[in-house]
Amino acid sequence: MRTRLRLTRDGDAFVARLAPSQTAAMREALIYLRHRDDSDLILTLQLGVGRETVDALIERLSGGHTESRDIRFRAEELHAVHSALTTVPTKFVSREGAFTQEPFHIQLENFDALARGIVEAASEV
């Protein structure tokens, strides 16, 4: 995945040209934090915006695009995306400060299991 991106200013907003992998990573980080059992206050403290803004960002970053595209962000939205990308990895660090591989791999296994479950359910319809 390309990790560099270019932002241009458009008034008070920023426009980012994002590759599909970048868009997907941003969306997944937001989704992960949005759907935790944390309170609205915790989400706002972590991302700087509330659930409504997070939901709107997830929607804008969705779509399964195969080409790079321009996405417009207000400053607080760009902050929320940045915060999500930097917050998610901390969810896999133990209280002692060590990276915990097991929860990370369990989460990945859960995603994989869900994907398999969708395919199996579709084949039974």
C-alpha atoms as a PDB file:
ATOM      1  CA  MET A   1       0.000   0.000   0.000  1.00  0.00           C
ATOM      2  CA  ARG A   2       1.191   3.467  -0.792  1.00  0.00           C
ATOM      3  CA  THR A   3       1.620   5.359   2.430  1.00  0.00           C
ATOM      4  CA  ARG A   4       2.212   8.795   0.968  1.00  0.00           C
ATOM      5  CA  LEU A   5      -0.613  10.966  -0.242  1.00  0.00           C
ATOM      6  CA  ARG A   6      -0.979  14.438  -1.577  1.00  0.00           C
ATOM      7  CA  LEU A   7      -3.363  16.984  -0.180  1.00  0.00           C
ATOM      8  CA  THR A   8      -4.464  20.133  -1.930  1.00  0.00           C
ATOM      9  CA  ARG A   9      -6.349  22.999  -0.359  1.00  0.00           C
ATOM     10  CA  ASP A  10      -9.781  23.966  -1.577  1.00  0.00           C
ATOM     11  CA  GLY A  11     -10.992  26.820   0.581  1.00  0.00           C
ATOM     12  CA  ASP A  12     -11.314  25.541   4.134  1.00  0.00           C
ATOM     13  CA  ALA A  13     -11.176  21.908   2.967  1.00  0.00           C
ATOM     14  CA  PHE A  14      -8.514  19.498   1.759  1.00  0.00           C
ATOM     15  CA  VAL A  15      -8.694  17.241  -1.268  1.00  0.00           C
ATOM     16  CA  ALA A  16      -6.765  13.979  -1.131  1.00  0.00           C
ATOM     17  CA  ARG A  17      -6.069  11.750  -4.111  1.00  0.00           C
ATOM     18  CA  LEU A  18      -6.375   8.283  -2.589  1.00  0.00           C
ATOM     19  CA  ALA A  19      -5.540   4.870  -3.984  1.00  0.00           C
ATOM     20  CA  PRO A  20      -8.147   2.165  -3.344  1.00  0.00           C
ATOM     21  CA  SER A  21      -5.909   0.545  -0.709  1.00  0.00           C
ATOM     22  CA  GLN A  22      -5.570   3.842   1.144  1.00  0.00           C
ATOM     23  CA  THR A  23      -9.309   4.426   1.064  1.00  0.00           C
ATOM     24  CA  ALA A  24      -9.920   0.894   2.339  1.00  0.00           C
ATOM     25  CA  ALA A  25      -7.427   1.260   5.206  1.00  0.00           C
ATOM     26  CA  MET A  26      -8.995   4.539   6.320  1.00  0.00           C
ATOM     27  CA  ARG A  27     -12.495   3.093   6.124  1.00  0.00           C
ATOM     28  CA  GLU A  28     -11.545  -0.054   8.061  1.00  0.00           C
ATOM     29  CA  ALA A  29      -9.864   1.909  10.854  1.00  0.00           C
ATOM     30  CA  LEU A  30     -12.946   4.106  11.223  1.00  0.00           C
ATOM     31  CA  ILE A  31     -15.290   1.126  11.131  1.00  0.00           C
ATOM     32  CA  TYR A  32     -13.253  -0.705  13.756  1.00  0.00           C
ATOM     33  CA  LEU A  33     -13.465   2.190  16.200  1.00  0.00           C
ATOM     34  CA  ARG A  34     -17.057   3.084  15.330  1.00  0.00           C
ATOM     35  CA  HIS A  35     -18.372  -0.368  16.127  1.00  0.00           C
ATOM     36  CA  ARG A  36     -16.582  -0.938  19.420  1.00  0.00           C
ATOM     37  CA  ASP A  37     -18.680  -0.823  22.573  1.00  0.00           C
ATOM     38  CA  ASP A  38     -17.098   2.467  23.629  1.00  0.00           C
ATOM     39  CA  SER A  39     -19.346   5.358  24.592  1.00  0.00           C
ATOM     40  CA  ASP A  40     -19.975   8.363  22.383  1.00  0.00           C
ATOM     41  CA  LEU A  41     -17.671  10.358  24.665  1.00  0.00           C
ATOM     42  CA  ILE A  42     -14.784   7.904  24.179  1.00  0.00           C
ATOM     43  CA  LEU A  43     -15.243   7.957  20.395  1.00  0.00           C
ATOM     44  CA  THR A  44     -15.239  11.764  20.395  1.00  0.00           C
ATOM     45  CA  LEU A  45     -12.144  11.872  22.603  1.00  0.00           C
ATOM     46  CA  GLN A  46     -10.322   9.429  20.319  1.00  0.00           C
ATOM     47  CA  LEU A  47     -11.331  10.917  16.968  1.00  0.00           C
ATOM     48  CA  GLY A  48     -12.354  14.482  17.717  1.00  0.00           C
ATOM     49  CA  VAL A  49     -15.765  13.982  16.092  1.00  0.00           C
ATOM     50  CA  GLY A  50     -18.980  12.183  16.930  1.00  0.00           C
ATOM     51  CA  ARG A  51     -20.652   9.109  15.473  1.00  0.00           C
ATOM     52  CA  GLU A  52     -22.585  11.083  12.861  1.00  0.00           C
ATOM     53  CA  THR A  53     -19.384  12.459  11.321  1.00  0.00           C
ATOM     54  CA  VAL A  54     -17.668   9.058  11.535  1.00  0.00           C
ATOM     55  CA  ASP A  55     -20.634   7.427   9.781  1.00  0.00           C
ATOM     56  CA  ALA A  56     -20.533  10.069   7.030  1.00  0.00           C
ATOM     57  CA  LEU A  57     -16.792   9.485   6.547  1.00  0.00           C
ATOM     58  CA  ILE A  58     -17.261   5.724   6.353  1.00  0.00           C
ATOM     59  CA  GLU A  59     -19.951   6.250   3.725  1.00  0.00           C
ATOM     60  CA  ARG A  60     -17.744   8.563   1.646  1.00  0.00           C
ATOM     61  CA  LEU A  61     -14.826   6.132   1.827  1.00  0.00           C
ATOM     62  CA  SER A  62     -17.001   3.191   0.769  1.00  0.00           C
ATOM     63  CA  GLY A  63     -17.695   2.010  -2.707  1.00  0.00           C
ATOM     64  CA  GLY A  64     -15.164  -0.599  -3.788  1.00  0.00           C
ATOM     65  CA  HIS A  65     -13.382   1.695  -6.227  1.00  0.00           C
ATOM     66  CA  THR A  66     -10.609   0.224  -8.351  1.00  0.00           C
ATOM     67  CA  GLU A  67      -9.015   3.534  -9.369  1.00  0.00           C
ATOM     68  CA  SER A  68      -7.569   6.391  -7.355  1.00  0.00           C
ATOM     69  CA  ARG A  69     -10.056   9.116  -6.593  1.00  0.00           C
ATOM     70  CA  ASP A  70     -10.247  12.529  -4.989  1.00  0.00           C
ATOM     71  CA  ILE A  71     -11.911  12.750  -1.598  1.00  0.00           C
ATOM     72  CA  ARG A  72     -12.689  16.039   0.083  1.00  0.00           C
ATOM     73  CA  PHE A  73     -12.103  16.372   3.834  1.00  0.00           C
ATOM     74  CA  ARG A  74     -12.818  19.140   6.294  1.00  0.00           C
ATOM     75  CA  ALA A  75      -9.934  19.617   8.729  1.00  0.00           C
ATOM     76  CA  GLU A  76     -11.772  17.842  11.544  1.00  0.00           C
ATOM     77  CA  GLU A  77     -12.524  14.895   9.244  1.00  0.00           C
ATOM     78  CA  LEU A  78      -8.893  14.588   8.224  1.00  0.00           C
ATOM     79  CA  HIS A  79      -7.989  14.682  11.920  1.00  0.00           C
ATOM     80  CA  ALA A  80     -10.521  11.903  12.608  1.00  0.00           C
ATOM     81  CA  VAL A  81      -9.040   9.687   9.889  1.00  0.00           C
ATOM     82  CA  HIS A  82      -5.518  10.305  11.145  1.00  0.00           C
ATOM     83  CA  SER A  83      -6.579   9.563  14.714  1.00  0.00           C
ATOM     84  CA  ALA A  84      -8.318   6.354  13.671  1.00  0.00           C
ATOM     85  CA  LEU A  85      -5.235   5.142  11.821  1.00  0.00           C
ATOM     86  CA  THR A  86      -3.031   5.804  14.833  1.00  0.00           C
ATOM     87  CA  THR A  87      -5.514   4.580  17.465  1.00  0.00           C
ATOM     88  CA  VAL A  88      -6.411   1.176  16.051  1.00  0.00           C
ATOM     89  CA  PRO A  89      -2.934  -0.362  16.507  1.00  0.00           C
ATOM     90  CA  THR A  90      -2.946   0.661  20.183  1.00  0.00           C
ATOM     91  CA  LYS A  91      -5.918  -1.639  20.736  1.00  0.00           C
ATOM     92  CA  PHE A  92      -3.465  -4.528  20.336  1.00  0.00           C
ATOM     93  CA  VAL A  93      -0.970  -3.342  22.969  1.00  0.00           C
ATOM     94  CA  SER A  94      -1.122  -4.916  26.417  1.00  0.00           C
ATOM     95  CA  ARG A  95      -1.188  -2.908  29.648  1.00  0.00           C
ATOM     96  CA  GLU A  96       2.516  -3.675  29.976  1.00  0.00           C
ATOM     97  CA  GLY A  97       3.153  -1.941  26.648  1.00  0.00           C
ATOM     98  CA  ALA A  98       3.886  -5.028  24.542  1.00  0.00           C
ATOM     99  CA  PHE A  99       2.219  -5.716  21.208  1.00  0.00           C
ATOM    100  CA  THR A 100      -0.210  -8.564  21.697  1.00  0.00           C
ATOM    101  CA  GLN A 101      -0.214 -10.735  18.624  1.00  0.00           C
ATOM    102  CA  GLU A 102      -2.989 -13.016  19.763  1.00  0.00           C
ATOM    103  CA  PRO A 103      -5.790 -10.384  19.863  1.00  0.00           C
ATOM    104  CA  PHE A 104      -4.561  -8.974  16.557  1.00  0.00           C
ATOM    105  CA  HIS A 105      -4.668 -12.383  14.894  1.00  0.00           C
ATOM    106  CA  ILE A 106      -8.007 -13.208  16.502  1.00  0.00           C
ATOM    107  CA  GLN A 107      -9.465 -10.046  14.971  1.00  0.00           C
ATOM    108  CA  LEU A 108      -8.090 -11.012  11.567  1.00  0.00           C
ATOM    109  CA  GLU A 109      -9.415 -14.547  12.006  1.00  0.00           C
ATOM    110  CA  ASN A 110     -12.817 -13.118  12.907  1.00  0.00           C
ATOM    111  CA  PHE A 111     -12.896 -11.070   9.694  1.00  0.00           C
ATOM    112  CA  ASP A 112     -11.883 -14.151   7.699  1.00  0.00           C
ATOM    113  CA  ALA A 113     -14.449 -16.353   9.424  1.00  0.00           C
ATOM    114  CA  LEU A 114     -17.186 -13.809   8.748  1.00  0.00           C
ATOM    115  CA  ALA A 115     -16.217 -13.653   5.080  1.00  0.00           C
ATOM    116  CA  ARG A 116     -16.361 -17.453   4.847  1.00  0.00           C
ATOM    117  CA  GLY A 117     -19.713 -17.399   6.622  1.00  0.00           C
ATOM    118  CA  ILE A 118     -21.109 -14.983   4.044  1.00  0.00           C
ATOM    119  CA  VAL A 119     -19.986 -17.233   1.185  1.00  0.00           C
ATOM    120  CA  GLU A 120     -21.409 -20.324   2.876  1.00  0.00           C
ATOM    121  CA  ALA A 121     -24.717 -18.572   3.564  1.00  0.00           C
ATOM    122  CA  ALA A 122     -24.922 -17.342  -0.025  1.00  0.00           C
ATOM    123  CA  SER A 123     -24.315 -20.856  -1.355  1.00  0.00           C
ATOM    124  CA  GLU A 124     -27.269 -22.122   0.686  1.00  0.00           C
ATOM    125  CA  VAL A 125     -29.741 -19.570  -0.698  1.00  0.00           C
END
